[in-house]
């Protein structure tokens, strides 16, 4: 397996079996392979864009038959702050869409309401992926970073994903009054909490910068 970082071949030889998460953490932690102040912004496997191995497939095993791994990096603090600022803006836009969808459900306009919720769901996936990639890039343990006095970040993220699952269940039952209530009284609050998550991550990133 040939591994390049920003176009330069490195001598790291992974020991199999290992997961993508462990593979990337090894590269990030060593310092000789990826600058300590950099984060990963792109991954190609045999020429194919594959950043998803860092966001959605961290627990999957690295195939031993991959011939070429190309990794691209940039200043991680700058990338992360920029990304988290975009997350906060996105959340405010999503809250407006959710509130509008709740009104449309109550009016019986199911087509437009469902269309708005589909856009929210589509926008949320890359946001979760970005948050997870921040955790990997800065070696954060979401089990130890607290959202509040009783809930850590991992529990908060899992609770939000459960909210989305409950919303899908209500839609499948075609109980659109329940869907509207779920949107207005649960999902909007959860989205507000995501602004807090973004701010907590920004503080963690700034703290790590101060330790360098």
C-alpha atoms as a PDB file:
ATOM      1  CA  UNK A   1       0.000   0.000   0.000  1.00  0.00           C
ATOM      2  CA  UNK A   2       1.418   3.377  -1.075  1.00  0.00           C
ATOM      3  CA  UNK A   3       0.389   6.266   1.202  1.00  0.00           C
ATOM      4  CA  UNK A   4       0.789   9.934   0.289  1.00  0.00           C
ATOM      5  CA  UNK A   5       0.075  13.015   2.386  1.00  0.00           C
ATOM      6  CA  UNK A   6      -0.347  16.224   0.369  1.00  0.00           C
ATOM      7  CA  UNK A   7       1.399  14.555  -2.562  1.00  0.00           C
ATOM      8  CA  UNK A   8       4.398  13.308  -0.582  1.00  0.00           C
ATOM      9  CA  UNK A   9       4.945   9.586  -0.045  1.00  0.00           C
ATOM     10  CA  UNK A  10       5.318   8.536   3.591  1.00  0.00           C
ATOM     11  CA  UNK A  11       6.866   5.390   5.024  1.00  0.00           C
ATOM     12  CA  UNK A  12       3.975   4.400   7.322  1.00  0.00           C
ATOM     13  CA  UNK A  13       3.169   0.704   6.917  1.00  0.00           C
ATOM     14  CA  UNK A  14      -0.114  -0.211   8.628  1.00  0.00           C
ATOM     15  CA  UNK A  15      -0.365  -3.452  10.550  1.00  0.00           C
ATOM     16  CA  UNK A  16      -3.536  -5.331   9.666  1.00  0.00           C
ATOM     17  CA  UNK A  17      -6.223  -5.879  10.727  1.00  0.00           C
ATOM     18  CA  UNK A  18      -7.211  -2.340  11.753  1.00  0.00           C
ATOM     19  CA  UNK A  19     -10.165  -0.019  11.376  1.00  0.00           C
ATOM     20  CA  UNK A  20     -10.211   3.206   9.382  1.00  0.00           C
ATOM     21  CA  UNK A  21     -10.557   5.112  12.646  1.00  0.00           C
ATOM     22  CA  UNK A  22      -7.358   3.561  14.029  1.00  0.00           C
ATOM     23  CA  UNK A  23      -5.564   4.004  10.699  1.00  0.00           C
ATOM     24  CA  UNK A  24      -6.315   7.738  10.605  1.00  0.00           C
ATOM     25  CA  UNK A  25      -5.617   8.293  14.297  1.00  0.00           C
ATOM     26  CA  UNK A  26      -2.198   6.670  13.840  1.00  0.00           C
ATOM     27  CA  UNK A  27      -1.373   9.111  11.042  1.00  0.00           C
ATOM     28  CA  UNK A  28      -2.641  12.106  12.995  1.00  0.00           C
ATOM     29  CA  UNK A  29      -0.955  11.226  16.287  1.00  0.00           C
ATOM     30  CA  UNK A  30       2.495  10.415  14.990  1.00  0.00           C
ATOM     31  CA  UNK A  31       3.281  13.968  13.880  1.00  0.00           C
ATOM     32  CA  UNK A  32       5.850  12.726  11.376  1.00  0.00           C
ATOM     33  CA  UNK A  33       3.148  11.986   8.827  1.00  0.00           C
ATOM     34  CA  UNK A  34       0.619  14.800   9.258  1.00  0.00           C
ATOM     35  CA  UNK A  35       1.561  18.166  10.831  1.00  0.00           C
ATOM     36  CA  UNK A  36       0.154  18.423  14.337  1.00  0.00           C
ATOM     37  CA  UNK A  37      -1.738  21.595  13.477  1.00  0.00           C
ATOM     38  CA  UNK A  38      -3.410  20.068  10.403  1.00  0.00           C
ATOM     39  CA  UNK A  39      -6.674  18.236   9.863  1.00  0.00           C
ATOM     40  CA  UNK A  40      -7.748  15.914   7.053  1.00  0.00           C
ATOM     41  CA  UNK A  41      -9.900  17.551   4.378  1.00  0.00           C
ATOM     42  CA  UNK A  42      -9.759  14.881   1.680  1.00  0.00           C
ATOM     43  CA  UNK A  43      -9.062  11.173   1.192  1.00  0.00           C
ATOM     44  CA  UNK A  44      -8.694   9.236  -2.057  1.00  0.00           C
ATOM     45  CA  UNK A  45      -8.518   5.458  -2.228  1.00  0.00           C
ATOM     46  CA  UNK A  46      -7.091   4.210  -5.529  1.00  0.00           C
ATOM     47  CA  UNK A  47      -8.082   7.550  -7.053  1.00  0.00           C
ATOM     48  CA  UNK A  48     -11.650   7.611  -5.708  1.00  0.00           C
ATOM     49  CA  UNK A  49     -12.812  10.353  -3.297  1.00  0.00           C
ATOM     50  CA  UNK A  50     -13.467   8.514  -0.035  1.00  0.00           C
ATOM     51  CA  UNK A  51     -13.705  11.022   2.827  1.00  0.00           C
ATOM     52  CA  UNK A  52     -16.623   8.912   4.106  1.00  0.00           C
ATOM     53  CA  UNK A  53     -14.118   6.470   5.665  1.00  0.00           C
ATOM     54  CA  UNK A  54     -13.392   9.266   8.139  1.00  0.00           C
ATOM     55  CA  UNK A  55     -17.012  10.173   8.828  1.00  0.00           C
ATOM     56  CA  UNK A  56     -19.296   7.196   8.260  1.00  0.00           C
ATOM     57  CA  UNK A  57     -17.028   4.146   8.171  1.00  0.00           C
ATOM     58  CA  UNK A  58     -14.540   4.649  10.994  1.00  0.00           C
ATOM     59  CA  UNK A  59     -15.449   1.258  12.505  1.00  0.00           C
ATOM     60  CA  UNK A  60     -15.017  -0.611   9.212  1.00  0.00           C
ATOM     61  CA  UNK A  61     -11.845  -2.530   8.479  1.00  0.00           C
ATOM     62  CA  UNK A  62      -9.234  -1.189   6.074  1.00  0.00           C
ATOM     63  CA  UNK A  63      -9.126  -3.492   3.009  1.00  0.00           C
ATOM     64  CA  UNK A  64      -5.636  -4.903   2.555  1.00  0.00           C
ATOM     65  CA  UNK A  65      -5.870  -4.833  -1.246  1.00  0.00           C
ATOM     66  CA  UNK A  66      -5.943  -1.025  -1.539  1.00  0.00           C
ATOM     67  CA  UNK A  67      -2.929   0.025  -3.585  1.00  0.00           C
ATOM     68  CA  UNK A  68      -2.913   3.808  -3.060  1.00  0.00           C
ATOM     69  CA  UNK A  69      -4.123   6.049  -0.240  1.00  0.00           C
ATOM     70  CA  UNK A  70      -3.911   9.816  -0.781  1.00  0.00           C
ATOM     71  CA  UNK A  71      -4.602  12.155   2.121  1.00  0.00           C
ATOM     72  CA  UNK A  72      -4.961  15.929   1.921  1.00  0.00           C
ATOM     73  CA  UNK A  73      -4.707  18.244   4.931  1.00  0.00           C
ATOM     74  CA  UNK A  74      -5.011  21.886   5.972  1.00  0.00           C
ATOM     75  CA  UNK A  75      -4.612  23.910   9.150  1.00  0.00           C
ATOM     76  CA  UNK A  76      -7.140  22.092  11.330  1.00  0.00           C
ATOM     77  CA  UNK A  77      -8.029  24.958  13.672  1.00  0.00           C
ATOM     78  CA  UNK A  78      -8.896  27.299  10.822  1.00  0.00           C
ATOM     79  CA  UNK A  79     -10.864  24.584   9.014  1.00  0.00           C
ATOM     80  CA  UNK A  80     -12.805  23.655  12.122  1.00  0.00           C
ATOM     81  CA  UNK A  81     -13.676  27.190  13.209  1.00  0.00           C
ATOM     82  CA  UNK A  82     -14.879  27.980   9.705  1.00  0.00           C
ATOM     83  CA  UNK A  83     -16.913  24.786   9.575  1.00  0.00           C
ATOM     84  CA  UNK A  84     -18.496  25.280  13.002  1.00  0.00           C
ATOM     85  CA  UNK A  85     -19.493  28.834  12.076  1.00  0.00           C
ATOM     86  CA  UNK A  86     -21.232  27.404   9.007  1.00  0.00           C
ATOM     87  CA  UNK A  87     -22.967  24.813  11.204  1.00  0.00           C
ATOM     88  CA  UNK A  88     -24.491  27.550  13.379  1.00  0.00           C
ATOM     89  CA  UNK A  89     -25.782  29.390  10.297  1.00  0.00           C
ATOM     90  CA  UNK A  90     -27.159  26.145   8.873  1.00  0.00           C
ATOM     91  CA  UNK A  91     -28.956  25.351  12.121  1.00  0.00           C
ATOM     92  CA  UNK A  92     -30.796  28.680  12.099  1.00  0.00           C
ATOM     93  CA  UNK A  93     -31.919  28.031   8.525  1.00  0.00           C
ATOM     94  CA  UNK A  94     -33.056  24.515   9.456  1.00  0.00           C
ATOM     95  CA  UNK A  95     -35.084  25.838  12.413  1.00  0.00           C
ATOM     96  CA  UNK A  96     -36.977  28.149  10.066  1.00  0.00           C
ATOM     97  CA  UNK A  97     -37.699  25.242   7.709  1.00  0.00           C
ATOM     98  CA  UNK A  98     -38.898  23.045  10.578  1.00  0.00           C
ATOM     99  CA  UNK A  99     -41.239  25.729  11.935  1.00  0.00           C
ATOM    100  CA  UNK A 100     -42.639  26.302   8.453  1.00  0.00           C
ATOM    101  CA  UNK A 101     -43.112  22.550   7.938  1.00  0.00           C
ATOM    102  CA  UNK A 102     -45.046  22.257  11.212  1.00  0.00           C
ATOM    103  CA  UNK A 103     -47.480  24.966  10.039  1.00  0.00           C
ATOM    104  CA  UNK A 104     -47.875  23.256   6.665  1.00  0.00           C
ATOM    105  CA  UNK A 105     -48.675  19.905   8.306  1.00  0.00           C
ATOM    106  CA  UNK A 106     -51.384  21.535  10.406  1.00  0.00           C
ATOM    107  CA  UNK A 107     -52.802  23.163   7.266  1.00  0.00           C
ATOM    108  CA  UNK A 108     -52.903  19.766   5.539  1.00  0.00           C
ATOM    109  CA  UNK A 109     -50.302  20.724   2.942  1.00  0.00           C
ATOM    110  CA  UNK A 110     -48.467  17.417   3.200  1.00  0.00           C
ATOM    111  CA  UNK A 111     -46.488  17.673  -0.024  1.00  0.00           C
ATOM    112  CA  UNK A 112     -44.759  20.966   0.786  1.00  0.00           C
ATOM    113  CA  UNK A 113     -44.302  20.017   4.437  1.00  0.00           C
ATOM    114  CA  UNK A 114     -42.673  16.694   3.540  1.00  0.00           C
ATOM    115  CA  UNK A 115     -40.439  18.438   1.019  1.00  0.00           C
ATOM    116  CA  UNK A 116     -39.165  20.836   3.680  1.00  0.00           C
ATOM    117  CA  UNK A 117     -38.451  18.041   6.140  1.00  0.00           C
ATOM    118  CA  UNK A 118     -36.627  16.066   3.456  1.00  0.00           C
ATOM    119  CA  UNK A 119     -34.334  19.071   2.902  1.00  0.00           C
ATOM    120  CA  UNK A 120     -33.705  19.336   6.648  1.00  0.00           C
ATOM    121  CA  UNK A 121     -32.817  15.637   6.862  1.00  0.00           C
ATOM    122  CA  UNK A 122     -30.494  15.956   3.883  1.00  0.00           C
ATOM    123  CA  UNK A 123     -28.740  18.977   5.401  1.00  0.00           C
ATOM    124  CA  UNK A 124     -28.338  17.340   8.786  1.00  0.00           C
ATOM    125  CA  UNK A 125     -26.349  14.307   7.600  1.00  0.00           C
ATOM    126  CA  UNK A 126     -23.196  16.234   6.544  1.00  0.00           C
ATOM    127  CA  UNK A 127     -23.455  18.268   9.749  1.00  0.00           C
ATOM    128  CA  UNK A 128     -23.255  15.111  11.881  1.00  0.00           C
ATOM    129  CA  UNK A 129     -20.404  13.828   9.698  1.00  0.00           C
ATOM    130  CA  UNK A 130     -18.498  17.085  10.197  1.00  0.00           C
ATOM    131  CA  UNK A 131     -18.913  16.932  13.969  1.00  0.00           C
ATOM    132  CA  UNK A 132     -17.638  13.357  13.981  1.00  0.00           C
ATOM    133  CA  UNK A 133     -14.655  14.305  11.808  1.00  0.00           C
ATOM    134  CA  UNK A 134     -13.784  17.116  14.239  1.00  0.00           C
ATOM    135  CA  UNK A 135     -13.743  14.558  17.038  1.00  0.00           C
ATOM    136  CA  UNK A 136     -11.335  12.337  15.111  1.00  0.00           C
ATOM    137  CA  UNK A 137      -9.057  15.169  13.933  1.00  0.00           C
ATOM    138  CA  UNK A 138      -8.593  16.531  17.467  1.00  0.00           C
ATOM    139  CA  UNK A 139      -8.675  13.131  19.213  1.00  0.00           C
ATOM    140  CA  UNK A 140     -11.702  14.190  21.271  1.00  0.00           C
ATOM    141  CA  UNK A 141     -13.505  11.711  23.498  1.00  0.00           C
ATOM    142  CA  UNK A 142     -17.201  12.619  23.232  1.00  0.00           C
ATOM    143  CA  UNK A 143     -17.896  10.391  26.257  1.00  0.00           C
ATOM    144  CA  UNK A 144     -15.836  12.747  28.431  1.00  0.00           C
ATOM    145  CA  UNK A 145     -16.896  16.117  26.980  1.00  0.00           C
ATOM    146  CA  UNK A 146     -20.062  17.252  28.745  1.00  0.00           C
ATOM    147  CA  UNK A 147     -23.009  18.941  27.047  1.00  0.00           C
ATOM    148  CA  UNK A 148     -24.435  19.793  30.453  1.00  0.00           C
ATOM    149  CA  UNK A 149     -24.042  18.504  34.006  1.00  0.00           C
ATOM    150  CA  UNK A 150     -25.701  15.144  33.286  1.00  0.00           C
ATOM    151  CA  UNK A 151     -25.247  14.488  29.542  1.00  0.00           C
ATOM    152  CA  UNK A 152     -22.081  14.069  27.480  1.00  0.00           C
ATOM    153  CA  UNK A 153     -21.754  14.909  23.792  1.00  0.00           C
ATOM    154  CA  UNK A 154     -22.092  11.324  22.599  1.00  0.00           C
ATOM    155  CA  UNK A 155     -25.343  10.874  24.532  1.00  0.00           C
ATOM    156  CA  UNK A 156     -26.633  14.181  23.158  1.00  0.00           C
ATOM    157  CA  UNK A 157     -25.891  13.192  19.567  1.00  0.00           C
ATOM    158  CA  UNK A 158     -27.533   9.792  20.062  1.00  0.00           C
ATOM    159  CA  UNK A 159     -30.604  11.440  21.619  1.00  0.00           C
ATOM    160  CA  UNK A 160     -30.949  13.716  18.620  1.00  0.00           C
ATOM    161  CA  UNK A 161     -30.728  10.794  16.216  1.00  0.00           C
ATOM    162  CA  UNK A 162     -33.510   9.146  18.235  1.00  0.00           C
ATOM    163  CA  UNK A 163     -35.604  12.303  17.780  1.00  0.00           C
ATOM    164  CA  UNK A 164     -35.231  11.930  14.026  1.00  0.00           C
ATOM    165  CA  UNK A 165     -36.207   8.255  14.247  1.00  0.00           C
ATOM    166  CA  UNK A 166     -39.318   9.173  16.258  1.00  0.00           C
ATOM    167  CA  UNK A 167     -40.211  11.764  13.633  1.00  0.00           C
ATOM    168  CA  UNK A 168     -39.961   9.182  10.857  1.00  0.00           C
ATOM    169  CA  UNK A 169     -42.155   6.828  12.898  1.00  0.00           C
ATOM    170  CA  UNK A 170     -44.824   9.503  13.319  1.00  0.00           C
ATOM    171  CA  UNK A 171     -44.748  10.198   9.576  1.00  0.00           C
ATOM    172  CA  UNK A 172     -45.184   6.506   8.830  1.00  0.00           C
ATOM    173  CA  UNK A 173     -48.266   6.413  11.081  1.00  0.00           C
ATOM    174  CA  UNK A 174     -49.611   9.386   9.078  1.00  0.00           C
ATOM    175  CA  UNK A 175     -50.466  11.153  12.308  1.00  0.00           C
ATOM    176  CA  UNK A 176     -49.634  14.587  10.977  1.00  0.00           C
ATOM    177  CA  UNK A 177     -50.804  16.409  14.090  1.00  0.00           C
ATOM    178  CA  UNK A 178     -48.256  14.414  16.049  1.00  0.00           C
ATOM    179  CA  UNK A 179     -45.645  15.151  13.379  1.00  0.00           C
ATOM    180  CA  UNK A 180     -46.337  18.894  13.645  1.00  0.00           C
ATOM    181  CA  UNK A 181     -46.079  18.786  17.460  1.00  0.00           C
ATOM    182  CA  UNK A 182     -42.879  16.766  17.213  1.00  0.00           C
ATOM    183  CA  UNK A 183     -41.368  19.322  14.872  1.00  0.00           C
ATOM    184  CA  UNK A 184     -42.424  22.383  16.846  1.00  0.00           C
ATOM    185  CA  UNK A 185     -41.865  21.192  20.401  1.00  0.00           C
ATOM    186  CA  UNK A 186     -38.954  18.749  20.057  1.00  0.00           C
ATOM    187  CA  UNK A 187     -36.954  19.129  16.881  1.00  0.00           C
ATOM    188  CA  UNK A 188     -36.573  22.904  17.073  1.00  0.00           C
ATOM    189  CA  UNK A 189     -35.323  22.597  20.672  1.00  0.00           C
ATOM    190  CA  UNK A 190     -32.900  19.877  19.607  1.00  0.00           C
ATOM    191  CA  UNK A 191     -31.578  22.060  16.804  1.00  0.00           C
ATOM    192  CA  UNK A 192     -30.995  24.867  19.304  1.00  0.00           C
ATOM    193  CA  UNK A 193     -28.985  22.384  21.359  1.00  0.00           C
ATOM    194  CA  UNK A 194     -26.821  21.756  18.305  1.00  0.00           C
ATOM    195  CA  UNK A 195     -25.751  25.392  18.399  1.00  0.00           C
ATOM    196  CA  UNK A 196     -24.517  24.654  21.920  1.00  0.00           C
ATOM    197  CA  UNK A 197     -22.710  21.534  20.648  1.00  0.00           C
ATOM    198  CA  UNK A 198     -20.962  23.625  17.993  1.00  0.00           C
ATOM    199  CA  UNK A 199     -19.877  26.179  20.591  1.00  0.00           C
ATOM    200  CA  UNK A 200     -18.571  23.459  22.916  1.00  0.00           C
ATOM    201  CA  UNK A 201     -16.524  21.977  20.077  1.00  0.00           C
ATOM    202  CA  UNK A 202     -15.139  25.402  19.183  1.00  0.00           C
ATOM    203  CA  UNK A 203     -14.025  25.872  22.808  1.00  0.00           C
ATOM    204  CA  UNK A 204     -12.366  22.438  22.804  1.00  0.00           C
ATOM    205  CA  UNK A 205     -10.533  23.261  19.575  1.00  0.00           C
ATOM    206  CA  UNK A 206      -9.324  26.606  20.942  1.00  0.00           C
ATOM    207  CA  UNK A 207      -8.176  24.887  24.141  1.00  0.00           C
ATOM    208  CA  UNK A 208      -6.191  22.342  22.138  1.00  0.00           C
ATOM    209  CA  UNK A 209      -4.582  25.176  20.175  1.00  0.00           C
ATOM    210  CA  UNK A 210      -3.449  26.757  23.424  1.00  0.00           C
ATOM    211  CA  UNK A 211      -1.723  23.530  24.455  1.00  0.00           C
ATOM    212  CA  UNK A 212       0.396  23.352  21.295  1.00  0.00           C
END
